[in-house]
Amino acid sequence: AKLFQPMAISIILEVISAILVALFVVPALATFMFNKGVYESESFVLIALDKVFRNGLYAAMYHTKVVIIGSLLLLVGG
């Protein structure tokens, strides 16, 4: 107990300080950094990923029986 107690206390203090920084410091700094606003731009990588995702989603919605059977097989296999 003498060996692990200081380590446990330091870990607890680190977690508490990380939570406090995430709740108070980061939003305050973000207001200073983004006071002009945030401009959104499309990336060619995200456009391609969105196209692949939409095609896969439409295929999954069209072949619902295959999706259900495949998920059940994965469940049983797991």
PDB file of N, CA and C in Angstrom:
ATOM      1  N   ALA A   1       0.825  -1.190   0.000  1.00  0.00           N
ATOM      2  CA  ALA A   1       0.000   0.000   0.000  1.00  0.00           C
ATOM      3  C   ALA A   1       0.870   1.255   0.000  1.00  0.00           C
ATOM      4  N   LYS A   2       2.033   1.185   0.649  1.00  0.00           N
ATOM      5  CA  LYS A   2       2.893   2.367   0.692  1.00  0.00           C
ATOM      6  C   LYS A   2       3.472   2.694  -0.675  1.00  0.00           C
ATOM      7  N   LEU A   3       3.622   1.694  -1.514  1.00  0.00           N
ATOM      8  CA  LEU A   3       4.193   1.912  -2.831  1.00  0.00           C
ATOM      9  C   LEU A   3       3.165   2.478  -3.811  1.00  0.00           C
ATOM     10  N   PHE A   4       1.926   1.966  -3.765  1.00  0.00           N
ATOM     11  CA  PHE A   4       0.935   2.330  -4.771  1.00  0.00           C
ATOM     12  C   PHE A   4       0.079   3.523  -4.374  1.00  0.00           C
ATOM     13  N   GLN A   5       0.036   3.897  -3.111  1.00  0.00           N
ATOM     14  CA  GLN A   5      -0.817   5.008  -2.691  1.00  0.00           C
ATOM     15  C   GLN A   5      -0.395   6.335  -3.322  1.00  0.00           C
ATOM     16  N   PRO A   6       0.878   6.715  -3.352  1.00  0.00           N
ATOM     17  CA  PRO A   6       1.231   7.975  -4.020  1.00  0.00           C
ATOM     18  C   PRO A   6       0.924   7.966  -5.520  1.00  0.00           C
ATOM     19  N   MET A   7       1.108   6.815  -6.161  1.00  0.00           N
ATOM     20  CA  MET A   7       0.806   6.720  -7.579  1.00  0.00           C
ATOM     21  C   MET A   7      -0.697   6.864  -7.810  1.00  0.00           C
ATOM     22  N   ALA A   8      -1.503   6.240  -6.975  1.00  0.00           N
ATOM     23  CA  ALA A   8      -2.952   6.342  -7.116  1.00  0.00           C
ATOM     24  C   ALA A   8      -3.416   7.774  -6.890  1.00  0.00           C
ATOM     25  N   ILE A   9      -2.843   8.448  -5.919  1.00  0.00           N
ATOM     26  CA  ILE A   9      -3.221   9.842  -5.658  1.00  0.00           C
ATOM     27  C   ILE A   9      -2.838  10.723  -6.841  1.00  0.00           C
ATOM     28  N   SER A  10      -1.661  10.508  -7.410  1.00  0.00           N
ATOM     29  CA  SER A  10      -1.247  11.326  -8.550  1.00  0.00           C
ATOM     30  C   SER A  10      -2.123  11.073  -9.772  1.00  0.00           C
ATOM     31  N   ILE A  11      -2.555   9.849  -9.997  1.00  0.00           N
ATOM     32  CA  ILE A  11      -3.438   9.545 -11.119  1.00  0.00           C
ATOM     33  C   ILE A  11      -4.798  10.200 -10.917  1.00  0.00           C
ATOM     34  N   ILE A  12      -5.310  10.147  -9.693  1.00  0.00           N
ATOM     35  CA  ILE A  12      -6.599  10.781  -9.402  1.00  0.00           C
ATOM     36  C   ILE A  12      -6.510  12.287  -9.625  1.00  0.00           C
ATOM     37  N   LEU A  13      -5.426  12.911  -9.174  1.00  0.00           N
ATOM     38  CA  LEU A  13      -5.264  14.348  -9.366  1.00  0.00           C
ATOM     39  C   LEU A  13      -5.105  14.703 -10.845  1.00  0.00           C
ATOM     40  N   GLU A  14      -4.422  13.855 -11.607  1.00  0.00           N
ATOM     41  CA  GLU A  14      -4.281  14.098 -13.042  1.00  0.00           C
ATOM     42  C   GLU A  14      -5.619  14.031 -13.752  1.00  0.00           C
ATOM     43  N   VAL A  15      -6.445  13.065 -13.388  1.00  0.00           N
ATOM     44  CA  VAL A  15      -7.755  12.928 -14.028  1.00  0.00           C
ATOM     45  C   VAL A  15      -8.640  14.118 -13.672  1.00  0.00           C
ATOM     46  N   ILE A  16      -8.627  14.522 -12.418  1.00  0.00           N
ATOM     47  CA  ILE A  16      -9.441  15.670 -12.000  1.00  0.00           C
ATOM     48  C   ILE A  16      -8.980  16.939 -12.707  1.00  0.00           C
ATOM     49  N   SER A  17      -7.670  17.136 -12.804  1.00  0.00           N
ATOM     50  CA  SER A  17      -7.182  18.333 -13.489  1.00  0.00           C
ATOM     51  C   SER A  17      -7.496  18.292 -14.979  1.00  0.00           C
ATOM     52  N   ALA A  18      -7.453  17.129 -15.605  1.00  0.00           N
ATOM     53  CA  ALA A  18      -7.793  17.018 -17.024  1.00  0.00           C
ATOM     54  C   ALA A  18      -9.265  17.351 -17.253  1.00  0.00           C
ATOM     55  N   ILE A  19     -10.122  16.915 -16.349  1.00  0.00           N
ATOM     56  CA  ILE A  19     -11.547  17.232 -16.464  1.00  0.00           C
ATOM     57  C   ILE A  19     -11.773  18.730 -16.310  1.00  0.00           C
ATOM     58  N   LEU A  20     -11.107  19.346 -15.338  1.00  0.00           N
ATOM     59  CA  LEU A  20     -11.267  20.785 -15.131  1.00  0.00           C
ATOM     60  C   LEU A  20     -10.749  21.584 -16.329  1.00  0.00           C
ATOM     61  N   VAL A  21      -9.640  21.166 -16.892  1.00  0.00           N
ATOM     62  CA  VAL A  21      -9.117  21.849 -18.077  1.00  0.00           C
ATOM     63  C   VAL A  21     -10.086  21.694 -19.245  1.00  0.00           C
ATOM     64  N   ALA A  22     -10.630  20.505 -19.420  1.00  0.00           N
ATOM     65  CA  ALA A  22     -11.555  20.275 -20.526  1.00  0.00           C
ATOM     66  C   ALA A  22     -12.846  21.059 -20.368  1.00  0.00           C
ATOM     67  N   LEU A  23     -13.276  21.272 -19.132  1.00  0.00           N
ATOM     68  CA  LEU A  23     -14.537  21.974 -18.905  1.00  0.00           C
ATOM     69  C   LEU A  23     -14.395  23.488 -18.891  1.00  0.00           C
ATOM     70  N   PHE A  24     -13.263  24.015 -18.443  1.00  0.00           N
ATOM     71  CA  PHE A  24     -13.146  25.458 -18.258  1.00  0.00           C
ATOM     72  C   PHE A  24     -12.108  26.119 -19.173  1.00  0.00           C
ATOM     73  N   VAL A  25     -10.940  25.550 -19.298  1.00  0.00           N
ATOM     74  CA  VAL A  25      -9.865  26.217 -20.028  1.00  0.00           C
ATOM     75  C   VAL A  25     -10.060  26.110 -21.540  1.00  0.00           C
ATOM     76  N   VAL A  26     -10.405  24.928 -22.023  1.00  0.00           N
ATOM     77  CA  VAL A  26     -10.533  24.733 -23.464  1.00  0.00           C
ATOM     78  C   VAL A  26     -11.652  25.588 -24.062  1.00  0.00           C
ATOM     79  N   PRO A  27     -12.854  25.660 -23.467  1.00  0.00           N
ATOM     80  CA  PRO A  27     -13.864  26.548 -24.043  1.00  0.00           C
ATOM     81  C   PRO A  27     -13.467  28.028 -23.988  1.00  0.00           C
ATOM     82  N   ALA A  28     -12.783  28.436 -22.943  1.00  0.00           N
ATOM     83  CA  ALA A  28     -12.352  29.834 -22.854  1.00  0.00           C
ATOM     84  C   ALA A  28     -11.332  30.156 -23.936  1.00  0.00           C
ATOM     85  N   LEU A  29     -10.377  29.266 -24.168  1.00  0.00           N
ATOM     86  CA  LEU A  29      -9.401  29.488 -25.225  1.00  0.00           C
ATOM     87  C   LEU A  29     -10.034  29.411 -26.614  1.00  0.00           C
ATOM     88  N   ALA A  30     -11.048  28.571 -26.767  1.00  0.00           N
ATOM     89  CA  ALA A  30     -11.717  28.454 -28.063  1.00  0.00           C
ATOM     90  C   ALA A  30     -12.454  29.736 -28.426  1.00  0.00           C
ATOM     91  N   THR A  31     -13.011  30.428 -27.439  1.00  0.00           N
ATOM     92  CA  THR A  31     -13.691  31.686 -27.745  1.00  0.00           C
ATOM     93  C   THR A  31     -12.705  32.735 -28.239  1.00  0.00           C
ATOM     94  N   PHE A  32     -11.484  32.722 -27.740  1.00  0.00           N
ATOM     95  CA  PHE A  32     -10.479  33.668 -28.216  1.00  0.00           C
ATOM     96  C   PHE A  32      -9.959  33.289 -29.602  1.00  0.00           C
ATOM     97  N   MET A  33      -9.811  31.996 -29.850  1.00  0.00           N
ATOM     98  CA  MET A  33      -9.260  31.563 -31.132  1.00  0.00           C
ATOM     99  C   MET A  33     -10.257  31.706 -32.275  1.00  0.00           C
ATOM    100  N   PHE A  34     -11.528  31.444 -31.997  1.00  0.00           N
ATOM    101  CA  PHE A  34     -12.541  31.420 -33.056  1.00  0.00           C
ATOM    102  C   PHE A  34     -13.463  32.621 -32.988  1.00  0.00           C
ATOM    103  N   ASN A  35     -12.961  33.777 -32.635  1.00  0.00           N
ATOM    104  CA  ASN A  35     -13.828  34.938 -32.530  1.00  0.00           C
ATOM    105  C   ASN A  35     -14.260  35.461 -33.904  1.00  0.00           C
ATOM    106  N   LYS A  36     -13.529  35.110 -34.968  1.00  0.00           N
ATOM    107  CA  LYS A  36     -13.925  35.513 -36.319  1.00  0.00           C
ATOM    108  C   LYS A  36     -14.882  34.506 -36.952  1.00  0.00           C
ATOM    109  N   GLY A  37     -15.088  33.397 -36.328  1.00  0.00           N
ATOM    110  CA  GLY A  37     -15.962  32.373 -36.885  1.00  0.00           C
ATOM    111  C   GLY A  37     -15.165  31.242 -37.500  1.00  0.00           C
ATOM    112  N   VAL A  38     -15.836  30.177 -37.776  1.00  0.00           N
ATOM    113  CA  VAL A  38     -15.219  28.997 -38.360  1.00  0.00           C
ATOM    114  C   VAL A  38     -15.775  28.822 -39.767  1.00  0.00           C
ATOM    115  N   TYR A  39     -14.880  28.656 -40.731  1.00  0.00           N
ATOM    116  CA  TYR A  39     -15.295  28.463 -42.112  1.00  0.00           C
ATOM    117  C   TYR A  39     -15.116  27.004 -42.489  1.00  0.00           C
ATOM    118  N   GLU A  40     -16.158  26.439 -43.039  1.00  0.00           N
ATOM    119  CA  GLU A  40     -16.168  25.019 -43.367  1.00  0.00           C
ATOM    120  C   GLU A  40     -15.750  24.837 -44.822  1.00  0.00           C
ATOM    121  N   SER A  41     -14.882  23.896 -45.068  1.00  0.00           N
ATOM    122  CA  SER A  41     -14.481  23.591 -46.441  1.00  0.00           C
ATOM    123  C   SER A  41     -14.534  22.081 -46.646  1.00  0.00           C
ATOM    124  N   GLU A  42     -14.875  21.698 -47.871  1.00  0.00           N
ATOM    125  CA  GLU A  42     -15.006  20.281 -48.195  1.00  0.00           C
ATOM    126  C   GLU A  42     -13.646  19.715 -48.598  1.00  0.00           C
ATOM    127  N   SER A  43     -13.333  18.548 -48.088  1.00  0.00           N
ATOM    128  CA  SER A  43     -12.102  17.858 -48.432  1.00  0.00           C
ATOM    129  C   SER A  43     -12.413  16.794 -49.482  1.00  0.00           C
ATOM    130  N   PHE A  44     -11.498  16.608 -50.425  1.00  0.00           N
ATOM    131  CA  PHE A  44     -11.734  15.598 -51.464  1.00  0.00           C
ATOM    132  C   PHE A  44     -11.767  14.197 -50.873  1.00  0.00           C
ATOM    133  N   VAL A  45     -11.068  13.990 -49.774  1.00  0.00           N
ATOM    134  CA  VAL A  45     -11.084  12.674 -49.119  1.00  0.00           C
ATOM    135  C   VAL A  45     -12.459  12.422 -48.508  1.00  0.00           C
ATOM    136  N   LEU A  46     -13.010  13.430 -47.840  1.00  0.00           N
ATOM    137  CA  LEU A  46     -14.323  13.256 -47.222  1.00  0.00           C
ATOM    138  C   LEU A  46     -15.425  13.140 -48.258  1.00  0.00           C
ATOM    139  N   ILE A  47     -15.277  13.804 -49.378  1.00  0.00           N
ATOM    140  CA  ILE A  47     -16.276  13.668 -50.439  1.00  0.00           C
ATOM    141  C   ILE A  47     -16.294  12.231 -50.956  1.00  0.00           C
ATOM    142  N   ALA A  48     -15.108  11.649 -51.166  1.00  0.00           N
ATOM    143  CA  ALA A  48     -15.027  10.262 -51.638  1.00  0.00           C
ATOM    144  C   ALA A  48     -15.569   9.296 -50.592  1.00  0.00           C
ATOM    145  N   LEU A  49     -15.226   9.519 -49.310  1.00  0.00           N
ATOM    146  CA  LEU A  49     -15.734   8.641 -48.254  1.00  0.00           C
ATOM    147  C   LEU A  49     -17.250   8.750 -48.119  1.00  0.00           C
ATOM    148  N   ASP A  50     -17.784   9.953 -48.293  1.00  0.00           N
ATOM    149  CA  ASP A  50     -19.226  10.140 -48.218  1.00  0.00           C
ATOM    150  C   ASP A  50     -19.923   9.404 -49.356  1.00  0.00           C
ATOM    151  N   LYS A  51     -19.327   9.432 -50.543  1.00  0.00           N
ATOM    152  CA  LYS A  51     -19.907   8.720 -51.685  1.00  0.00           C
ATOM    153  C   LYS A  51     -19.914   7.210 -51.440  1.00  0.00           C
ATOM    154  N   VAL A  52     -18.803   6.676 -50.916  1.00  0.00           N
ATOM    155  CA  VAL A  52     -18.720   5.247 -50.611  1.00  0.00           C
ATOM    156  C   VAL A  52     -19.729   4.872 -49.529  1.00  0.00           C
ATOM    157  N   PHE A  53     -19.848   5.712 -48.501  1.00  0.00           N
ATOM    158  CA  PHE A  53     -20.785   5.435 -47.416  1.00  0.00           C
ATOM    159  C   PHE A  53     -22.219   5.431 -47.925  1.00  0.00           C
ATOM    160  N   ARG A  54     -22.571   6.434 -48.738  1.00  0.00           N
ATOM    161  CA  ARG A  54     -23.944   6.502 -49.253  1.00  0.00           C
ATOM    162  C   ARG A  54     -24.264   5.300 -50.140  1.00  0.00           C
ATOM    163  N   ASN A  55     -23.327   4.906 -50.985  1.00  0.00           N
ATOM    164  CA  ASN A  55     -23.566   3.731 -51.834  1.00  0.00           C
ATOM    165  C   ASN A  55     -23.735   2.469 -50.997  1.00  0.00           C
ATOM    166  N   GLY A  56     -22.903   2.318 -49.966  1.00  0.00           N
ATOM    167  CA  GLY A  56     -23.042   1.160 -49.083  1.00  0.00           C
ATOM    168  C   GLY A  56     -24.343   1.183 -48.298  1.00  0.00           C
ATOM    169  N   LEU A  57     -24.757   2.367 -47.886  1.00  0.00           N
ATOM    170  CA  LEU A  57     -26.013   2.486 -47.144  1.00  0.00           C
ATOM    171  C   LEU A  57     -27.208   2.145 -48.030  1.00  0.00           C
ATOM    172  N   TYR A  58     -27.192   2.646 -49.278  1.00  0.00           N
ATOM    173  CA  TYR A  58     -28.288   2.314 -50.193  1.00  0.00           C
ATOM    174  C   TYR A  58     -28.314   0.822 -50.492  1.00  0.00           C
ATOM    175  N   ALA A  59     -27.145   0.205 -50.645  1.00  0.00           N
ATOM    176  CA  ALA A  59     -27.091  -1.235 -50.905  1.00  0.00           C
ATOM    177  C   ALA A  59     -27.596  -2.017 -49.702  1.00  0.00           C
ATOM    178  N   ALA A  60     -27.257  -1.576 -48.511  1.00  0.00           N
ATOM    179  CA  ALA A  60     -27.718  -2.270 -47.305  1.00  0.00           C
ATOM    180  C   ALA A  60     -29.222  -2.122 -47.129  1.00  0.00           C
ATOM    181  N   MET A  61     -29.752  -0.969 -47.484  1.00  0.00           N
ATOM    182  CA  MET A  61     -31.197  -0.775 -47.361  1.00  0.00           C
ATOM    183  C   MET A  61     -31.958  -1.558 -48.435  1.00  0.00           C
ATOM    184  N   TYR A  62     -31.336  -1.754 -49.586  1.00  0.00           N
ATOM    185  CA  TYR A  62     -31.980  -2.507 -50.658  1.00  0.00           C
ATOM    186  C   TYR A  62     -31.944  -4.002 -50.387  1.00  0.00           C
ATOM    187  N   HIS A  63     -30.870  -4.496 -49.762  1.00  0.00           N
ATOM    188  CA  HIS A  63     -30.711  -5.925 -49.480  1.00  0.00           C
ATOM    189  C   HIS A  63     -30.825  -6.170 -47.977  1.00  0.00           C
ATOM    190  N   THR A  64     -31.992  -5.910 -47.413  1.00  0.00           N
ATOM    191  CA  THR A  64     -32.154  -6.025 -45.966  1.00  0.00           C
ATOM    192  C   THR A  64     -32.041  -7.465 -45.482  1.00  0.00           C
ATOM    193  N   LYS A  65     -32.523  -8.413 -46.267  1.00  0.00           N
ATOM    194  CA  LYS A  65     -32.439  -9.818 -45.844  1.00  0.00           C
ATOM    195  C   LYS A  65     -30.988 -10.277 -45.739  1.00  0.00           C
ATOM    196  N   VAL A  66     -30.157  -9.866 -46.670  1.00  0.00           N
ATOM    197  CA  VAL A  66     -28.740 -10.240 -46.640  1.00  0.00           C
ATOM    198  C   VAL A  66     -28.062  -9.629 -45.420  1.00  0.00           C
ATOM    199  N   VAL A  67     -28.413  -8.393 -45.106  1.00  0.00           N
ATOM    200  CA  VAL A  67     -27.821  -7.718 -43.949  1.00  0.00           C
ATOM    201  C   VAL A  67     -28.235  -8.410 -42.656  1.00  0.00           C
ATOM    202  N   ILE A  68     -29.506  -8.760 -42.535  1.00  0.00           N
ATOM    203  CA  ILE A  68     -29.999  -9.420 -41.316  1.00  0.00           C
ATOM    204  C   ILE A  68     -29.374 -10.804 -41.172  1.00  0.00           C
ATOM    205  N   ILE A  69     -29.324 -11.574 -42.255  1.00  0.00           N
ATOM    206  CA  ILE A  69     -28.731 -12.909 -42.190  1.00  0.00           C
ATOM    207  C   ILE A  69     -27.237 -12.815 -41.875  1.00  0.00           C
ATOM    208  N   GLY A  70     -26.552 -11.876 -42.501  1.00  0.00           N
ATOM    209  CA  GLY A  70     -25.126 -11.696 -42.226  1.00  0.00           C
ATOM    210  C   GLY A  70     -24.855 -11.289 -40.787  1.00  0.00           C
ATOM    211  N   SER A  71     -25.681 -10.404 -40.238  1.00  0.00           N
ATOM    212  CA  SER A  71     -25.484 -10.000 -38.850  1.00  0.00           C
ATOM    213  C   SER A  71     -25.802 -11.136 -37.882  1.00  0.00           C
ATOM    214  N   LEU A  72     -26.793 -11.945 -38.203  1.00  0.00           N
ATOM    215  CA  LEU A  72     -27.092 -13.097 -37.354  1.00  0.00           C
ATOM    216  C   LEU A  72     -25.961 -14.131 -37.403  1.00  0.00           C
ATOM    217  N   LEU A  73     -25.382 -14.334 -38.593  1.00  0.00           N
ATOM    218  CA  LEU A  73     -24.248 -15.259 -38.700  1.00  0.00           C
ATOM    219  C   LEU A  73     -23.040 -14.739 -37.916  1.00  0.00           C
ATOM    220  N   LEU A  74     -22.802 -13.450 -37.965  1.00  0.00           N
ATOM    221  CA  LEU A  74     -21.711 -12.882 -37.182  1.00  0.00           C
ATOM    222  C   LEU A  74     -21.976 -13.004 -35.688  1.00  0.00           C
ATOM    223  N   LEU A  75     -23.228 -12.838 -35.278  1.00  0.00           N
ATOM    224  CA  LEU A  75     -23.587 -12.985 -33.877  1.00  0.00           C
ATOM    225  C   LEU A  75     -23.369 -14.404 -33.400  1.00  0.00           C
ATOM    226  N   VAL A  76     -23.818 -15.363 -34.196  1.00  0.00           N
ATOM    227  CA  VAL A  76     -23.648 -16.768 -33.832  1.00  0.00           C
ATOM    228  C   VAL A  76     -22.163 -17.145 -33.854  1.00  0.00           C
ATOM    229  N   GLY A  77     -21.438 -16.654 -34.856  1.00  0.00           N
ATOM    230  CA  GLY A  77     -20.010 -16.948 -34.930  1.00  0.00           C
ATOM    231  C   GLY A  77     -19.224 -16.341 -33.774  1.00  0.00           C
ATOM    232  N   GLY A  78     -19.676 -15.185 -33.309  1.00  0.00           N
ATOM    233  CA  GLY A  78     -18.984 -14.552 -32.175  1.00  0.00           C
ATOM    234  C   GLY A  78     -19.310 -15.230 -30.888  1.00  0.00           C
TER     235      GLY A  78
END
